[in-house]
């Protein structure tokens, strides 16, 4: 009799264990379903938020949008984002102790730290000593076009045009040729023209009796006429110097022309504010 009782108890225990296992299995399955549903909802919400962000950054709806928003939009809608830089000494980083201390190196690092811009790539086509004429004759623009960039930053090579005594007429003609070529070959890219940095001998006249400011002014007339996007680096850096109570000599190398590390940093600050 005890034997049968033990069997019955054992059977009941096994039944309870089986029922308990089945119960917890059902609970686990339900929890798994709930977890998957919750994850799906989160994913759907993230998708909706991403689509809303893309819509808000759509360039067609934001004609005057900051460049940082434009680059973010590009990053959200395509696999790569490329910024190509072309110009002369300022772009190549002349005067900086190392590439990462140049305004281009600092700007790239700053932008890549921004959300959604980790894959941003800078390609530098700065050439020391190049005038606008050299950029055209040396076919340096072809390299920029080959990049197929989303943004082109073109440093107008006016310091070298001044030193090489290129005429203002030639300078204006070169600027129009450069911009026409870039706009034609890169219809979907934004193009930003910048002036070079301020120099200590800006009032010194060349063989044509022209100083650096004459070249700035001549270029700005063409830029204004064509309504091109432009940033006067010279003036903006001078404003920064005034705000910081610094002298121009403090930010230039011994040649009084090229920015040193401090000069490149101030140039970077100007860019950082402009992009925002």
C-alpha atoms as a PDB file:
ATOM      1  CA  UNK A   1       0.000   0.000   0.000  1.00  0.00           C
ATOM      2  CA  UNK A   2       2.866   2.308   0.900  1.00  0.00           C
ATOM      3  CA  UNK A   3       4.420   1.482  -2.457  1.00  0.00           C
ATOM      4  CA  UNK A   4       1.303   2.622  -4.294  1.00  0.00           C
ATOM      5  CA  UNK A   5       1.122   5.737  -2.160  1.00  0.00           C
ATOM      6  CA  UNK A   6       4.725   6.588  -3.025  1.00  0.00           C
ATOM      7  CA  UNK A   7       4.001   6.070  -6.697  1.00  0.00           C
ATOM      8  CA  UNK A   8       0.965   8.333  -6.491  1.00  0.00           C
ATOM      9  CA  UNK A   9       2.945  11.072  -4.697  1.00  0.00           C
ATOM     10  CA  UNK A  10       5.756  10.738  -7.195  1.00  0.00           C
ATOM     11  CA  UNK A  11       3.259  11.016 -10.056  1.00  0.00           C
ATOM     12  CA  UNK A  12       1.710  14.095  -8.520  1.00  0.00           C
ATOM     13  CA  UNK A  13       5.152  15.690  -8.073  1.00  0.00           C
ATOM     14  CA  UNK A  14       6.074  14.957 -11.671  1.00  0.00           C
ATOM     15  CA  UNK A  15       2.756  16.357 -12.836  1.00  0.00           C
ATOM     16  CA  UNK A  16       3.334  19.521 -10.783  1.00  0.00           C
ATOM     17  CA  UNK A  17       6.861  19.846 -12.153  1.00  0.00           C
ATOM     18  CA  UNK A  18       5.631  19.324 -15.703  1.00  0.00           C
ATOM     19  CA  UNK A  19       2.833  21.819 -15.223  1.00  0.00           C
ATOM     20  CA  UNK A  20       5.233  24.306 -13.625  1.00  0.00           C
ATOM     21  CA  UNK A  21       7.720  23.915 -16.465  1.00  0.00           C
ATOM     22  CA  UNK A  22       4.955  24.372 -19.032  1.00  0.00           C
ATOM     23  CA  UNK A  23       3.657  27.405 -17.130  1.00  0.00           C
ATOM     24  CA  UNK A  24       7.058  29.095 -16.954  1.00  0.00           C
ATOM     25  CA  UNK A  25       7.686  28.212 -20.567  1.00  0.00           C
ATOM     26  CA  UNK A  26       4.475  29.972 -21.523  1.00  0.00           C
ATOM     27  CA  UNK A  27       5.421  32.952 -19.372  1.00  0.00           C
ATOM     28  CA  UNK A  28       8.878  33.091 -20.982  1.00  0.00           C
ATOM     29  CA  UNK A  29       7.370  32.898 -24.435  1.00  0.00           C
ATOM     30  CA  UNK A  30       4.918  35.657 -23.607  1.00  0.00           C
ATOM     31  CA  UNK A  31       7.745  37.765 -22.180  1.00  0.00           C
ATOM     32  CA  UNK A  32       9.769  37.121 -25.333  1.00  0.00           C
ATOM     33  CA  UNK A  33       6.861  38.199 -27.517  1.00  0.00           C
ATOM     34  CA  UNK A  34       6.371  41.326 -25.413  1.00  0.00           C
ATOM     35  CA  UNK A  35      10.086  42.114 -25.587  1.00  0.00           C
ATOM     36  CA  UNK A  36      10.111  41.710 -29.374  1.00  0.00           C
ATOM     37  CA  UNK A  37       7.004  43.852 -29.689  1.00  0.00           C
ATOM     38  CA  UNK A  38       8.561  46.522 -27.467  1.00  0.00           C
ATOM     39  CA  UNK A  39      11.787  46.417 -29.500  1.00  0.00           C
ATOM     40  CA  UNK A  40       9.782  46.692 -32.718  1.00  0.00           C
ATOM     41  CA  UNK A  41       7.945  49.730 -31.340  1.00  0.00           C
ATOM     42  CA  UNK A  42      11.235  51.367 -30.349  1.00  0.00           C
ATOM     43  CA  UNK A  43      12.667  50.631 -33.770  1.00  0.00           C
ATOM     44  CA  UNK A  44       9.570  52.041 -35.475  1.00  0.00           C
ATOM     45  CA  UNK A  45       9.733  55.156 -33.316  1.00  0.00           C
ATOM     46  CA  UNK A  46      13.415  55.625 -34.162  1.00  0.00           C
ATOM     47  CA  UNK A  47      12.573  55.229 -37.841  1.00  0.00           C
ATOM     48  CA  UNK A  48       9.816  57.818 -37.593  1.00  0.00           C
ATOM     49  CA  UNK A  49      12.106  60.225 -35.733  1.00  0.00           C
ATOM     50  CA  UNK A  50      14.833  59.711 -38.339  1.00  0.00           C
ATOM     51  CA  UNK A  51      12.402  60.361 -41.190  1.00  0.00           C
ATOM     52  CA  UNK A  52      11.109  63.474 -39.413  1.00  0.00           C
ATOM     53  CA  UNK A  53      14.688  64.710 -38.942  1.00  0.00           C
ATOM     54  CA  UNK A  54      15.501  64.102 -42.605  1.00  0.00           C
ATOM     55  CA  UNK A  55      12.364  65.967 -43.619  1.00  0.00           C
ATOM     56  CA  UNK A  56      13.281  68.906 -41.373  1.00  0.00           C
ATOM     57  CA  UNK A  57      16.787  69.047 -42.875  1.00  0.00           C
ATOM     58  CA  UNK A  58      15.661  68.783 -46.514  1.00  0.00           C
ATOM     59  CA  UNK A  59      17.693  71.482 -48.355  1.00  0.00           C
ATOM     60  CA  UNK A  60      14.777  72.291 -50.651  1.00  0.00           C
ATOM     61  CA  UNK A  61      12.806  73.381 -47.588  1.00  0.00           C
ATOM     62  CA  UNK A  62      15.724  75.253 -46.017  1.00  0.00           C
ATOM     63  CA  UNK A  63      17.304  77.566 -48.573  1.00  0.00           C
ATOM     64  CA  UNK A  64      19.400  79.357 -45.929  1.00  0.00           C
ATOM     65  CA  UNK A  65      20.213  76.337 -43.778  1.00  0.00           C
ATOM     66  CA  UNK A  66      23.572  76.186 -41.944  1.00  0.00           C
ATOM     67  CA  UNK A  67      26.210  74.029 -43.588  1.00  0.00           C
ATOM     68  CA  UNK A  68      26.264  71.696 -40.574  1.00  0.00           C
ATOM     69  CA  UNK A  69      22.581  70.888 -41.211  1.00  0.00           C
ATOM     70  CA  UNK A  70      23.257  70.364 -44.908  1.00  0.00           C
ATOM     71  CA  UNK A  71      26.065  67.895 -44.167  1.00  0.00           C
ATOM     72  CA  UNK A  72      23.924  66.094 -41.603  1.00  0.00           C
ATOM     73  CA  UNK A  73      21.144  65.725 -44.180  1.00  0.00           C
ATOM     74  CA  UNK A  74      23.619  64.283 -46.670  1.00  0.00           C
ATOM     75  CA  UNK A  75      24.932  61.872 -44.053  1.00  0.00           C
ATOM     76  CA  UNK A  76      21.409  60.638 -43.274  1.00  0.00           C
ATOM     77  CA  UNK A  77      20.460  60.100 -46.911  1.00  0.00           C
ATOM     78  CA  UNK A  78      23.603  58.658 -48.507  1.00  0.00           C
ATOM     79  CA  UNK A  79      26.479  56.349 -47.672  1.00  0.00           C
ATOM     80  CA  UNK A  80      29.303  58.898 -47.803  1.00  0.00           C
ATOM     81  CA  UNK A  81      29.797  62.620 -47.318  1.00  0.00           C
ATOM     82  CA  UNK A  82      32.812  64.316 -48.897  1.00  0.00           C
ATOM     83  CA  UNK A  83      34.153  67.816 -48.389  1.00  0.00           C
ATOM     84  CA  UNK A  84      36.799  68.843 -50.937  1.00  0.00           C
ATOM     85  CA  UNK A  85      39.090  71.782 -50.255  1.00  0.00           C
ATOM     86  CA  UNK A  86      40.988  73.593 -52.968  1.00  0.00           C
ATOM     87  CA  UNK A  87      43.195  76.642 -52.820  1.00  0.00           C
ATOM     88  CA  UNK A  88      46.666  77.772 -51.910  1.00  0.00           C
ATOM     89  CA  UNK A  89      48.834  78.042 -48.790  1.00  0.00           C
ATOM     90  CA  UNK A  90      46.030  78.630 -46.315  1.00  0.00           C
ATOM     91  CA  UNK A  91      44.260  75.461 -47.415  1.00  0.00           C
ATOM     92  CA  UNK A  92      47.420  73.356 -47.552  1.00  0.00           C
ATOM     93  CA  UNK A  93      48.127  74.314 -43.935  1.00  0.00           C
ATOM     94  CA  UNK A  94      51.270  76.382 -44.435  1.00  0.00           C
ATOM     95  CA  UNK A  95      52.439  77.814 -41.110  1.00  0.00           C
ATOM     96  CA  UNK A  96      50.816  75.172 -38.904  1.00  0.00           C
ATOM     97  CA  UNK A  97      53.203  72.964 -36.919  1.00  0.00           C
ATOM     98  CA  UNK A  98      51.300  69.876 -38.040  1.00  0.00           C
ATOM     99  CA  UNK A  99      48.259  69.012 -40.144  1.00  0.00           C
ATOM    100  CA  UNK A 100      45.969  68.520 -37.158  1.00  0.00           C
ATOM    101  CA  UNK A 101      46.727  72.096 -36.034  1.00  0.00           C
ATOM    102  CA  UNK A 102      45.681  73.630 -39.359  1.00  0.00           C
ATOM    103  CA  UNK A 103      42.185  75.066 -39.702  1.00  0.00           C
ATOM    104  CA  UNK A 104      41.307  72.249 -42.109  1.00  0.00           C
ATOM    105  CA  UNK A 105      42.438  69.554 -39.670  1.00  0.00           C
ATOM    106  CA  UNK A 106      40.612  71.169 -36.767  1.00  0.00           C
ATOM    107  CA  UNK A 107      37.436  71.683 -38.789  1.00  0.00           C
ATOM    108  CA  UNK A 108      37.349  68.066 -39.944  1.00  0.00           C
ATOM    109  CA  UNK A 109      37.810  66.793 -36.384  1.00  0.00           C
ATOM    110  CA  UNK A 110      35.099  69.123 -35.086  1.00  0.00           C
ATOM    111  CA  UNK A 111      32.575  68.141 -37.757  1.00  0.00           C
ATOM    112  CA  UNK A 112      33.251  64.413 -37.425  1.00  0.00           C
ATOM    113  CA  UNK A 113      32.454  64.667 -33.709  1.00  0.00           C
ATOM    114  CA  UNK A 114      28.948  65.808 -34.608  1.00  0.00           C
ATOM    115  CA  UNK A 115      26.091  63.287 -34.527  1.00  0.00           C
ATOM    116  CA  UNK A 116      25.658  61.431 -37.837  1.00  0.00           C
ATOM    117  CA  UNK A 117      28.907  62.826 -39.312  1.00  0.00           C
ATOM    118  CA  UNK A 118      31.375  60.142 -38.202  1.00  0.00           C
ATOM    119  CA  UNK A 119      31.918  59.038 -41.816  1.00  0.00           C
ATOM    120  CA  UNK A 120      32.589  62.560 -43.084  1.00  0.00           C
ATOM    121  CA  UNK A 121      35.719  62.739 -45.232  1.00  0.00           C
ATOM    122  CA  UNK A 122      37.883  65.776 -46.029  1.00  0.00           C
ATOM    123  CA  UNK A 123      40.030  65.740 -49.182  1.00  0.00           C
ATOM    124  CA  UNK A 124      42.592  68.541 -49.310  1.00  0.00           C
ATOM    125  CA  UNK A 125      43.760  69.975 -52.643  1.00  0.00           C
ATOM    126  CA  UNK A 126      45.641  72.948 -51.236  1.00  0.00           C
ATOM    127  CA  UNK A 127      48.797  73.827 -53.210  1.00  0.00           C
ATOM    128  CA  UNK A 128      51.502  76.110 -51.790  1.00  0.00           C
ATOM    129  CA  UNK A 129      52.352  79.117 -53.952  1.00  0.00           C
ATOM    130  CA  UNK A 130      49.446  78.590 -56.362  1.00  0.00           C
ATOM    131  CA  UNK A 131      47.617  81.565 -57.851  1.00  0.00           C
ATOM    132  CA  UNK A 132      44.156  81.317 -59.396  1.00  0.00           C
ATOM    133  CA  UNK A 133      45.860  80.992 -62.761  1.00  0.00           C
ATOM    134  CA  UNK A 134      47.980  78.099 -61.471  1.00  0.00           C
ATOM    135  CA  UNK A 135      44.891  76.263 -60.239  1.00  0.00           C
ATOM    136  CA  UNK A 136      43.366  76.478 -63.702  1.00  0.00           C
ATOM    137  CA  UNK A 137      46.453  75.725 -65.764  1.00  0.00           C
ATOM    138  CA  UNK A 138      47.587  72.956 -63.435  1.00  0.00           C
ATOM    139  CA  UNK A 139      44.222  71.230 -63.836  1.00  0.00           C
ATOM    140  CA  UNK A 140      43.803  71.055 -60.078  1.00  0.00           C
ATOM    141  CA  UNK A 141      40.057  71.508 -60.377  1.00  0.00           C
ATOM    142  CA  UNK A 142      39.802  68.168 -62.165  1.00  0.00           C
ATOM    143  CA  UNK A 143      40.993  66.454 -58.988  1.00  0.00           C
ATOM    144  CA  UNK A 144      38.221  68.168 -57.019  1.00  0.00           C
ATOM    145  CA  UNK A 145      35.609  67.146 -59.578  1.00  0.00           C
ATOM    146  CA  UNK A 146      36.904  63.577 -59.416  1.00  0.00           C
ATOM    147  CA  UNK A 147      36.114  63.536 -55.678  1.00  0.00           C
ATOM    148  CA  UNK A 148      32.405  64.071 -56.461  1.00  0.00           C
ATOM    149  CA  UNK A 149      32.067  66.092 -53.245  1.00  0.00           C
ATOM    150  CA  UNK A 150      28.961  67.310 -51.468  1.00  0.00           C
ATOM    151  CA  UNK A 151      30.700  70.522 -50.406  1.00  0.00           C
ATOM    152  CA  UNK A 152      33.604  72.404 -51.986  1.00  0.00           C
ATOM    153  CA  UNK A 153      35.513  74.999 -49.970  1.00  0.00           C
ATOM    154  CA  UNK A 154      37.491  77.133 -52.408  1.00  0.00           C
ATOM    155  CA  UNK A 155      40.128  79.462 -50.996  1.00  0.00           C
ATOM    156  CA  UNK A 156      40.550  82.221 -53.565  1.00  0.00           C
ATOM    157  CA  UNK A 157      44.346  82.412 -54.030  1.00  0.00           C
ATOM    158  CA  UNK A 158      44.590  86.192 -53.740  1.00  0.00           C
ATOM    159  CA  UNK A 159      47.773  86.409 -51.679  1.00  0.00           C
ATOM    160  CA  UNK A 160      49.701  84.700 -54.463  1.00  0.00           C
ATOM    161  CA  UNK A 161      47.873  86.666 -57.175  1.00  0.00           C
ATOM    162  CA  UNK A 162      49.112  89.807 -55.408  1.00  0.00           C
ATOM    163  CA  UNK A 163      52.675  88.528 -55.031  1.00  0.00           C
ATOM    164  CA  UNK A 164      52.800  87.329 -58.635  1.00  0.00           C
ATOM    165  CA  UNK A 165      51.369  90.663 -59.861  1.00  0.00           C
ATOM    166  CA  UNK A 166      48.459  89.137 -61.731  1.00  0.00           C
ATOM    167  CA  UNK A 167      46.133  91.844 -62.987  1.00  0.00           C
ATOM    168  CA  UNK A 168      42.755  92.393 -61.361  1.00  0.00           C
ATOM    169  CA  UNK A 169      41.140  91.608 -64.709  1.00  0.00           C
ATOM    170  CA  UNK A 170      42.931  88.249 -64.822  1.00  0.00           C
ATOM    171  CA  UNK A 171      41.985  87.565 -61.210  1.00  0.00           C
ATOM    172  CA  UNK A 172      38.305  88.242 -61.916  1.00  0.00           C
ATOM    173  CA  UNK A 173      38.406  86.169 -65.094  1.00  0.00           C
ATOM    174  CA  UNK A 174      40.054  83.240 -63.283  1.00  0.00           C
ATOM    175  CA  UNK A 175      37.477  83.372 -60.490  1.00  0.00           C
ATOM    176  CA  UNK A 176      34.623  83.229 -62.987  1.00  0.00           C
ATOM    177  CA  UNK A 177      36.290  80.354 -64.864  1.00  0.00           C
ATOM    178  CA  UNK A 178      36.865  78.365 -61.667  1.00  0.00           C
ATOM    179  CA  UNK A 179      33.318  78.817 -60.426  1.00  0.00           C
ATOM    180  CA  UNK A 180      31.776  78.120 -63.826  1.00  0.00           C
ATOM    181  CA  UNK A 181      33.697  74.861 -64.117  1.00  0.00           C
ATOM    182  CA  UNK A 182      32.873  73.700 -60.599  1.00  0.00           C
ATOM    183  CA  UNK A 183      29.188  74.600 -60.906  1.00  0.00           C
ATOM    184  CA  UNK A 184      28.905  72.846 -64.272  1.00  0.00           C
ATOM    185  CA  UNK A 185      30.691  69.645 -63.253  1.00  0.00           C
ATOM    186  CA  UNK A 186      29.305  69.480 -59.706  1.00  0.00           C
ATOM    187  CA  UNK A 187      25.682  70.666 -60.042  1.00  0.00           C
ATOM    188  CA  UNK A 188      24.584  69.003 -56.785  1.00  0.00           C
ATOM    189  CA  UNK A 189      27.432  70.265 -54.611  1.00  0.00           C
ATOM    190  CA  UNK A 190      27.461  73.378 -52.479  1.00  0.00           C
ATOM    191  CA  UNK A 191      30.414  75.674 -53.175  1.00  0.00           C
ATOM    192  CA  UNK A 192      31.780  78.068 -50.567  1.00  0.00           C
ATOM    193  CA  UNK A 193      34.336  80.686 -51.607  1.00  0.00           C
ATOM    194  CA  UNK A 194      36.593  82.022 -48.867  1.00  0.00           C
ATOM    195  CA  UNK A 195      39.202  84.756 -48.912  1.00  0.00           C
ATOM    196  CA  UNK A 196      42.710  84.042 -47.632  1.00  0.00           C
ATOM    197  CA  UNK A 197      43.842  85.154 -44.171  1.00  0.00           C
ATOM    198  CA  UNK A 198      44.893  88.705 -43.243  1.00  0.00           C
ATOM    199  CA  UNK A 199      48.581  89.506 -43.798  1.00  0.00           C
ATOM    200  CA  UNK A 200      50.887  92.060 -42.139  1.00  0.00           C
ATOM    201  CA  UNK A 201      52.030  93.594 -45.422  1.00  0.00           C
ATOM    202  CA  UNK A 202      48.543  93.934 -46.893  1.00  0.00           C
ATOM    203  CA  UNK A 203      49.158  97.538 -47.951  1.00  0.00           C
ATOM    204  CA  UNK A 204      52.387  96.767 -49.793  1.00  0.00           C
ATOM    205  CA  UNK A 205      52.024  97.417 -53.533  1.00  0.00           C
ATOM    206  CA  UNK A 206      53.176  94.946 -56.175  1.00  0.00           C
ATOM    207  CA  UNK A 207      54.640  95.671 -59.612  1.00  0.00           C
ATOM    208  CA  UNK A 208      51.215  96.807 -60.799  1.00  0.00           C
ATOM    209  CA  UNK A 209      50.822  99.270 -57.928  1.00  0.00           C
ATOM    210  CA  UNK A 210      48.146  97.070 -56.324  1.00  0.00           C
ATOM    211  CA  UNK A 211      47.903  95.914 -52.729  1.00  0.00           C
ATOM    212  CA  UNK A 212      46.236  92.822 -51.235  1.00  0.00           C
ATOM    213  CA  UNK A 213      43.017  94.669 -50.437  1.00  0.00           C
ATOM    214  CA  UNK A 214      42.582  95.588 -54.117  1.00  0.00           C
ATOM    215  CA  UNK A 215      42.421  91.874 -54.953  1.00  0.00           C
ATOM    216  CA  UNK A 216      39.927  91.200 -52.162  1.00  0.00           C
ATOM    217  CA  UNK A 217      37.670  94.016 -53.364  1.00  0.00           C
ATOM    218  CA  UNK A 218      37.869  93.030 -57.041  1.00  0.00           C
ATOM    219  CA  UNK A 219      36.936  89.433 -56.218  1.00  0.00           C
ATOM    220  CA  UNK A 220      34.073  90.482 -53.978  1.00  0.00           C
ATOM    221  CA  UNK A 221      32.553  92.534 -56.806  1.00  0.00           C
ATOM    222  CA  UNK A 222      32.446  89.431 -59.001  1.00  0.00           C
ATOM    223  CA  UNK A 223      31.127  87.280 -56.155  1.00  0.00           C
ATOM    224  CA  UNK A 224      28.381  89.760 -55.333  1.00  0.00           C
ATOM    225  CA  UNK A 225      27.348  90.083 -58.977  1.00  0.00           C
ATOM    226  CA  UNK A 226      27.013  86.315 -59.329  1.00  0.00           C
ATOM    227  CA  UNK A 227      25.483  85.854 -55.851  1.00  0.00           C
ATOM    228  CA  UNK A 228      27.977  83.141 -54.943  1.00  0.00           C
ATOM    229  CA  UNK A 229      28.278  81.912 -51.356  1.00  0.00           C
ATOM    230  CA  UNK A 230      31.202  83.683 -49.730  1.00  0.00           C
ATOM    231  CA  UNK A 231      33.008  84.107 -46.428  1.00  0.00           C
ATOM    232  CA  UNK A 232      35.578  86.874 -45.970  1.00  0.00           C
ATOM    233  CA  UNK A 233      38.112  85.034 -43.795  1.00  0.00           C
ATOM    234  CA  UNK A 234      40.302  88.124 -43.604  1.00  0.00           C
ATOM    235  CA  UNK A 235      37.635  90.337 -42.043  1.00  0.00           C
ATOM    236  CA  UNK A 236      36.253  87.622 -39.758  1.00  0.00           C
ATOM    237  CA  UNK A 237      39.718  86.795 -38.412  1.00  0.00           C
ATOM    238  CA  UNK A 238      40.410  90.485 -37.836  1.00  0.00           C
ATOM    239  CA  UNK A 239      37.174  90.720 -35.832  1.00  0.00           C
ATOM    240  CA  UNK A 240      38.317  87.776 -33.714  1.00  0.00           C
ATOM    241  CA  UNK A 241      41.647  89.480 -33.045  1.00  0.00           C
ATOM    242  CA  UNK A 242      39.844  92.589 -31.864  1.00  0.00           C
ATOM    243  CA  UNK A 243      37.577  90.545 -29.585  1.00  0.00           C
ATOM    244  CA  UNK A 244      40.569  88.733 -28.082  1.00  0.00           C
ATOM    245  CA  UNK A 245      42.657  91.919 -27.840  1.00  0.00           C
ATOM    246  CA  UNK A 246      45.389  90.298 -29.957  1.00  0.00           C
ATOM    247  CA  UNK A 247      47.741  91.682 -32.591  1.00  0.00           C
ATOM    248  CA  UNK A 248      47.944  90.403 -36.150  1.00  0.00           C
ATOM    249  CA  UNK A 249      51.623  89.648 -35.520  1.00  0.00           C
ATOM    250  CA  UNK A 250      50.571  87.197 -32.788  1.00  0.00           C
ATOM    251  CA  UNK A 251      48.908  84.858 -35.286  1.00  0.00           C
ATOM    252  CA  UNK A 252      51.384  84.989 -38.193  1.00  0.00           C
ATOM    253  CA  UNK A 253      54.666  83.183 -38.784  1.00  0.00           C
ATOM    254  CA  UNK A 254      57.933  85.101 -39.195  1.00  0.00           C
ATOM    255  CA  UNK A 255      57.172  85.749 -42.862  1.00  0.00           C
ATOM    256  CA  UNK A 256      54.231  87.964 -41.745  1.00  0.00           C
ATOM    257  CA  UNK A 257      52.014  86.205 -44.258  1.00  0.00           C
ATOM    258  CA  UNK A 258      51.049  82.693 -43.215  1.00  0.00           C
ATOM    259  CA  UNK A 259      49.067  81.915 -40.048  1.00  0.00           C
ATOM    260  CA  UNK A 260      50.844  80.057 -37.251  1.00  0.00           C
ATOM    261  CA  UNK A 261      49.084  77.513 -35.027  1.00  0.00           C
ATOM    262  CA  UNK A 262      47.229  80.287 -33.210  1.00  0.00           C
ATOM    263  CA  UNK A 263      46.251  81.843 -36.531  1.00  0.00           C
ATOM    264  CA  UNK A 264      44.948  78.555 -37.862  1.00  0.00           C
ATOM    265  CA  UNK A 265      42.978  78.093 -34.639  1.00  0.00           C
ATOM    266  CA  UNK A 266      41.303  81.485 -35.016  1.00  0.00           C
ATOM    267  CA  UNK A 267      40.548  80.657 -38.664  1.00  0.00           C
ATOM    268  CA  UNK A 268      38.984  77.406 -37.467  1.00  0.00           C
ATOM    269  CA  UNK A 269      36.832  79.325 -34.954  1.00  0.00           C
ATOM    270  CA  UNK A 270      35.569  81.509 -37.788  1.00  0.00           C
ATOM    271  CA  UNK A 271      34.646  78.408 -39.789  1.00  0.00           C
ATOM    272  CA  UNK A 272      33.016  76.724 -36.815  1.00  0.00           C
ATOM    273  CA  UNK A 273      30.709  79.688 -36.297  1.00  0.00           C
ATOM    274  CA  UNK A 274      29.975  79.967 -40.003  1.00  0.00           C
ATOM    275  CA  UNK A 275      28.990  76.290 -40.288  1.00  0.00           C
ATOM    276  CA  UNK A 276      26.478  76.706 -37.485  1.00  0.00           C
END
